[in-house]
Amino acid sequence: MCGVCGSLGGEEHWSSGAGRIQGDSAPTRRAERARRIRVINRALMPLRVTVSDWQGRLYVVAGPTGKHMVVDSLPHIWQAAQEITGRSLDPLAPAVLAA
């Protein structure tokens, strides 16, 4: 499925539930999404894979060779990173968590 078709539907992933906490100190969805992308990029830095936001709805996962994939949720980011790099990736591995 292309990125445009994927942006037209689909349910939100539980990890995108920021901003649902009531109160003045709750982060906005955009701020929480930006924070999540920063954390993911730190974890993927050793693989030279980057993640960026697309329209506040999808993620663009890009590898060091220019290969990229458009995905819609956090689990798909890890799958895309594995496919782009050709390496197995465990997001709970100690090295990834340390990053």
N, C-alpha and C. Protein backbone atom coordinates (compact mmCIF):
# COMPACT_ATOMS: atom_id res chain seq x y z
N MET A 1 0.85 -1.17 0.00
CA MET A 1 0.00 0.00 0.00
C MET A 1 0.90 1.24 0.00
N CYS A 2 0.53 2.22 -0.77
CA CYS A 2 1.32 3.45 -0.81
C CYS A 2 1.03 4.32 0.43
N GLY A 3 1.88 5.28 0.66
CA GLY A 3 1.73 6.14 1.84
C GLY A 3 0.44 6.93 1.85
N VAL A 4 -0.01 7.38 0.69
CA VAL A 4 -1.24 8.17 0.64
C VAL A 4 -2.44 7.31 1.01
N CYS A 5 -2.52 6.10 0.45
CA CYS A 5 -3.64 5.22 0.79
C CYS A 5 -3.63 4.87 2.27
N GLY A 6 -2.45 4.66 2.82
CA GLY A 6 -2.34 4.32 4.23
C GLY A 6 -2.75 5.45 5.13
N SER A 7 -2.65 6.69 4.66
CA SER A 7 -3.01 7.84 5.50
C SER A 7 -4.51 8.09 5.53
N LEU A 8 -5.26 7.45 4.67
CA LEU A 8 -6.68 7.72 4.59
C LEU A 8 -7.52 6.96 5.62
N GLY A 9 -6.97 5.95 6.22
CA GLY A 9 -7.77 5.17 7.16
C GLY A 9 -6.91 4.53 8.21
N GLY A 10 -7.45 3.54 8.86
CA GLY A 10 -6.68 2.83 9.87
C GLY A 10 -6.93 3.37 11.25
N GLU A 11 -6.73 2.51 12.22
CA GLU A 11 -6.91 2.91 13.60
C GLU A 11 -5.60 3.42 14.18
N GLU A 12 -5.72 4.23 15.21
CA GLU A 12 -4.53 4.70 15.89
C GLU A 12 -3.96 3.58 16.75
N HIS A 13 -2.65 3.56 16.86
CA HIS A 13 -1.97 2.61 17.72
C HIS A 13 -2.01 3.14 19.14
N TRP A 14 -2.00 2.26 20.12
CA TRP A 14 -2.09 2.69 21.52
C TRP A 14 -0.96 3.64 21.89
N SER A 15 0.21 3.51 21.24
CA SER A 15 1.36 4.36 21.58
C SER A 15 1.16 5.81 21.17
N SER A 16 0.15 6.09 20.38
CA SER A 16 -0.10 7.48 19.97
C SER A 16 -1.13 8.15 20.87
N GLY A 17 -1.36 7.62 22.06
CA GLY A 17 -2.40 8.11 22.94
C GLY A 17 -2.00 9.26 23.83
N ALA A 18 -0.96 10.00 23.50
CA ALA A 18 -0.55 11.13 24.32
C ALA A 18 -1.60 12.23 24.27
N GLY A 19 -1.55 13.07 25.25
CA GLY A 19 -2.45 14.20 25.28
C GLY A 19 -3.83 13.84 25.81
N ARG A 20 -4.04 12.61 26.13
CA ARG A 20 -5.35 12.21 26.64
C ARG A 20 -5.44 12.37 28.15
N ILE A 21 -4.31 12.68 28.77
CA ILE A 21 -4.30 12.95 30.20
C ILE A 21 -4.90 14.33 30.39
N GLN A 22 -5.80 14.45 31.31
CA GLN A 22 -6.46 15.74 31.54
C GLN A 22 -5.55 16.64 32.37
N GLY A 23 -5.65 17.91 32.15
CA GLY A 23 -4.88 18.87 32.93
C GLY A 23 -4.04 19.76 32.05
N ASP A 24 -3.53 20.83 32.65
CA ASP A 24 -2.74 21.81 31.89
C ASP A 24 -1.37 21.30 31.50
N SER A 25 -0.83 20.32 32.25
CA SER A 25 0.53 19.87 31.97
C SER A 25 0.58 18.73 30.95
N ALA A 26 -0.55 18.30 30.44
CA ALA A 26 -0.57 17.22 29.46
C ALA A 26 0.04 17.70 28.14
N PRO A 27 0.94 16.90 27.55
CA PRO A 27 1.53 17.30 26.27
C PRO A 27 0.51 17.22 25.14
N THR A 28 0.70 18.04 24.14
CA THR A 28 -0.16 17.94 22.97
C THR A 28 0.24 16.69 22.19
N ARG A 29 -0.63 16.24 21.33
CA ARG A 29 -0.31 15.07 20.50
C ARG A 29 0.92 15.33 19.65
N ARG A 30 1.01 16.52 19.10
CA ARG A 30 2.17 16.86 18.25
C ARG A 30 3.47 16.85 19.06
N ALA A 31 3.43 17.42 20.27
CA ALA A 31 4.62 17.45 21.11
C ALA A 31 5.03 16.04 21.54
N GLU A 32 4.08 15.23 21.89
CA GLU A 32 4.38 13.86 22.28
C GLU A 32 4.91 13.05 21.10
N ARG A 33 4.35 13.27 19.94
CA ARG A 33 4.83 12.57 18.74
C ARG A 33 6.27 12.98 18.42
N ALA A 34 6.58 14.25 18.53
CA ALA A 34 7.94 14.74 18.29
C ALA A 34 8.91 14.14 19.30
N ARG A 35 8.49 14.06 20.56
CA ARG A 35 9.35 13.45 21.58
C ARG A 35 9.58 11.98 21.27
N ARG A 36 8.54 11.27 20.89
CA ARG A 36 8.65 9.85 20.56
C ARG A 36 9.61 9.64 19.39
N ILE A 37 9.54 10.49 18.39
CA ILE A 37 10.44 10.38 17.23
C ILE A 37 11.88 10.63 17.64
N ARG A 38 12.11 11.61 18.52
CA ARG A 38 13.48 11.86 19.00
C ARG A 38 14.05 10.63 19.72
N VAL A 39 13.23 10.01 20.57
CA VAL A 39 13.68 8.81 21.30
C VAL A 39 13.97 7.67 20.32
N ILE A 40 13.09 7.46 19.37
CA ILE A 40 13.27 6.39 18.38
C ILE A 40 14.55 6.64 17.57
N ASN A 41 14.79 7.87 17.17
CA ASN A 41 15.99 8.18 16.39
C ASN A 41 17.26 7.92 17.19
N ARG A 42 17.24 8.20 18.50
CA ARG A 42 18.40 7.88 19.33
C ARG A 42 18.64 6.38 19.37
N ALA A 43 17.57 5.61 19.48
CA ALA A 43 17.70 4.15 19.54
C ALA A 43 18.18 3.57 18.21
N LEU A 44 17.78 4.19 17.10
CA LEU A 44 18.15 3.67 15.79
C LEU A 44 19.46 4.25 15.25
N MET A 45 20.05 5.19 15.97
CA MET A 45 21.27 5.85 15.51
C MET A 45 22.39 4.85 15.17
N PRO A 46 22.64 3.83 15.99
CA PRO A 46 23.72 2.89 15.65
C PRO A 46 23.50 2.18 14.30
N LEU A 47 22.25 2.06 13.87
CA LEU A 47 21.95 1.41 12.59
C LEU A 47 21.94 2.41 11.43
N ARG A 48 22.11 3.70 11.75
CA ARG A 48 22.05 4.78 10.77
C ARG A 48 20.70 4.83 10.07
N VAL A 49 19.66 4.56 10.84
CA VAL A 49 18.27 4.64 10.36
C VAL A 49 17.63 5.84 11.05
N THR A 50 16.86 6.60 10.31
CA THR A 50 16.17 7.75 10.88
C THR A 50 14.67 7.63 10.65
N VAL A 51 13.93 8.26 11.54
CA VAL A 51 12.48 8.30 11.46
C VAL A 51 12.06 9.76 11.45
N SER A 52 11.13 10.09 10.57
CA SER A 52 10.58 11.45 10.54
C SER A 52 9.06 11.37 10.46
N ASP A 53 8.45 12.47 10.78
CA ASP A 53 7.00 12.57 10.78
C ASP A 53 6.51 12.94 9.38
N TRP A 54 5.37 12.41 9.00
CA TRP A 54 4.73 12.80 7.76
C TRP A 54 3.28 13.14 8.06
N GLN A 55 2.97 14.43 8.01
CA GLN A 55 1.62 14.94 8.18
C GLN A 55 0.99 14.60 9.54
N GLY A 56 1.82 14.34 10.55
CA GLY A 56 1.29 14.04 11.87
C GLY A 56 0.52 12.74 11.94
N ARG A 57 0.62 11.93 10.92
CA ARG A 57 -0.17 10.70 10.84
C ARG A 57 0.68 9.46 10.59
N LEU A 58 1.71 9.60 9.77
CA LEU A 58 2.56 8.47 9.38
C LEU A 58 4.01 8.78 9.71
N TYR A 59 4.82 7.74 9.66
CA TYR A 59 6.25 7.87 9.88
C TYR A 59 6.99 7.48 8.61
N VAL A 60 8.09 8.18 8.31
CA VAL A 60 8.96 7.81 7.22
C VAL A 60 10.24 7.27 7.85
N VAL A 61 10.54 6.00 7.55
CA VAL A 61 11.73 5.34 8.06
C VAL A 61 12.73 5.30 6.92
N ALA A 62 13.93 5.87 7.12
CA ALA A 62 14.93 5.96 6.06
C ALA A 62 16.25 5.36 6.51
N GLY A 63 16.87 4.63 5.60
CA GLY A 63 18.16 4.00 5.88
C GLY A 63 19.31 4.79 5.31
N PRO A 64 20.53 4.34 5.58
CA PRO A 64 21.72 5.07 5.13
C PRO A 64 21.92 5.05 3.62
N THR A 65 21.28 4.12 2.92
CA THR A 65 21.44 4.03 1.47
C THR A 65 20.36 4.80 0.72
N GLY A 66 19.43 5.42 1.43
CA GLY A 66 18.35 6.16 0.81
C GLY A 66 17.06 5.39 0.72
N LYS A 67 17.11 4.10 1.02
CA LYS A 67 15.88 3.31 1.02
C LYS A 67 14.98 3.82 2.14
N HIS A 68 13.69 3.94 1.87
CA HIS A 68 12.78 4.42 2.89
C HIS A 68 11.43 3.71 2.76
N MET A 69 10.70 3.74 3.86
CA MET A 69 9.38 3.13 3.92
C MET A 69 8.47 4.05 4.71
N VAL A 70 7.20 4.08 4.35
CA VAL A 70 6.20 4.85 5.07
C VAL A 70 5.38 3.85 5.89
N VAL A 71 5.29 4.10 7.21
CA VAL A 71 4.57 3.20 8.10
C VAL A 71 3.64 4.00 8.99
N ASP A 72 2.72 3.29 9.66
CA ASP A 72 1.71 4.02 10.42
C ASP A 72 1.78 3.87 11.93
N SER A 73 2.64 3.02 12.47
CA SER A 73 2.68 2.88 13.92
C SER A 73 4.05 2.44 14.40
N LEU A 74 4.24 2.52 15.68
CA LEU A 74 5.52 2.18 16.30
C LEU A 74 6.00 0.77 15.96
N PRO A 75 5.18 -0.26 16.08
CA PRO A 75 5.68 -1.60 15.72
C PRO A 75 6.14 -1.68 14.27
N HIS A 76 5.48 -0.94 13.39
CA HIS A 76 5.87 -0.97 11.99
C HIS A 76 7.20 -0.26 11.76
N ILE A 77 7.55 0.67 12.63
CA ILE A 77 8.86 1.33 12.53
C ILE A 77 9.96 0.30 12.69
N TRP A 78 9.83 -0.55 13.71
CA TRP A 78 10.86 -1.58 13.96
C TRP A 78 10.94 -2.56 12.81
N GLN A 79 9.80 -2.96 12.28
CA GLN A 79 9.78 -3.89 11.14
C GLN A 79 10.45 -3.24 9.91
N ALA A 80 10.15 -1.98 9.67
CA ALA A 80 10.74 -1.28 8.54
C ALA A 80 12.25 -1.14 8.71
N ALA A 81 12.69 -0.83 9.92
CA ALA A 81 14.13 -0.70 10.18
C ALA A 81 14.84 -2.03 9.91
N GLN A 82 14.21 -3.13 10.28
CA GLN A 82 14.80 -4.45 10.00
C GLN A 82 14.88 -4.70 8.50
N GLU A 83 13.81 -4.37 7.80
CA GLU A 83 13.79 -4.60 6.36
C GLU A 83 14.80 -3.71 5.63
N ILE A 84 14.90 -2.47 6.05
CA ILE A 84 15.82 -1.53 5.40
C ILE A 84 17.27 -1.93 5.61
N THR A 85 17.60 -2.36 6.83
CA THR A 85 18.98 -2.69 7.15
C THR A 85 19.34 -4.14 6.87
N GLY A 86 18.33 -5.01 6.80
CA GLY A 86 18.60 -6.43 6.62
C GLY A 86 19.12 -7.08 7.88
N ARG A 87 18.92 -6.42 9.01
CA ARG A 87 19.39 -6.93 10.30
C ARG A 87 18.22 -7.11 11.24
N SER A 88 18.34 -8.08 12.13
CA SER A 88 17.33 -8.30 13.15
C SER A 88 17.45 -7.20 14.20
N LEU A 89 16.34 -6.69 14.65
CA LEU A 89 16.35 -5.61 15.63
C LEU A 89 15.37 -5.91 16.74
N ASP A 90 15.86 -5.88 17.96
CA ASP A 90 15.02 -6.08 19.13
C ASP A 90 14.94 -4.74 19.85
N PRO A 91 13.77 -4.08 19.85
CA PRO A 91 13.67 -2.76 20.50
C PRO A 91 13.87 -2.82 22.01
N LEU A 92 13.84 -4.02 22.59
CA LEU A 92 14.07 -4.15 24.03
C LEU A 92 15.46 -4.66 24.36
N ALA A 93 16.34 -4.76 23.38
CA ALA A 93 17.71 -5.19 23.61
C ALA A 93 18.41 -4.14 24.48
N PRO A 94 19.31 -4.57 25.37
CA PRO A 94 19.99 -3.62 26.26
C PRO A 94 20.69 -2.48 25.52
N ALA A 95 21.32 -2.75 24.38
CA ALA A 95 22.01 -1.69 23.63
C ALA A 95 21.02 -0.66 23.10
N VAL A 96 19.86 -1.10 22.66
CA VAL A 96 18.85 -0.18 22.14
C VAL A 96 18.27 0.65 23.29
N LEU A 97 17.99 -0.01 24.39
CA LEU A 97 17.46 0.72 25.55
C LEU A 97 18.46 1.73 26.11
N ALA A 98 19.75 1.38 26.06
CA ALA A 98 20.78 2.30 26.54
C ALA A 98 20.86 3.55 25.66
N ALA A 99 20.60 3.37 24.37
CA ALA A 99 20.65 4.51 23.44
C ALA A 99 19.51 5.46 23.74
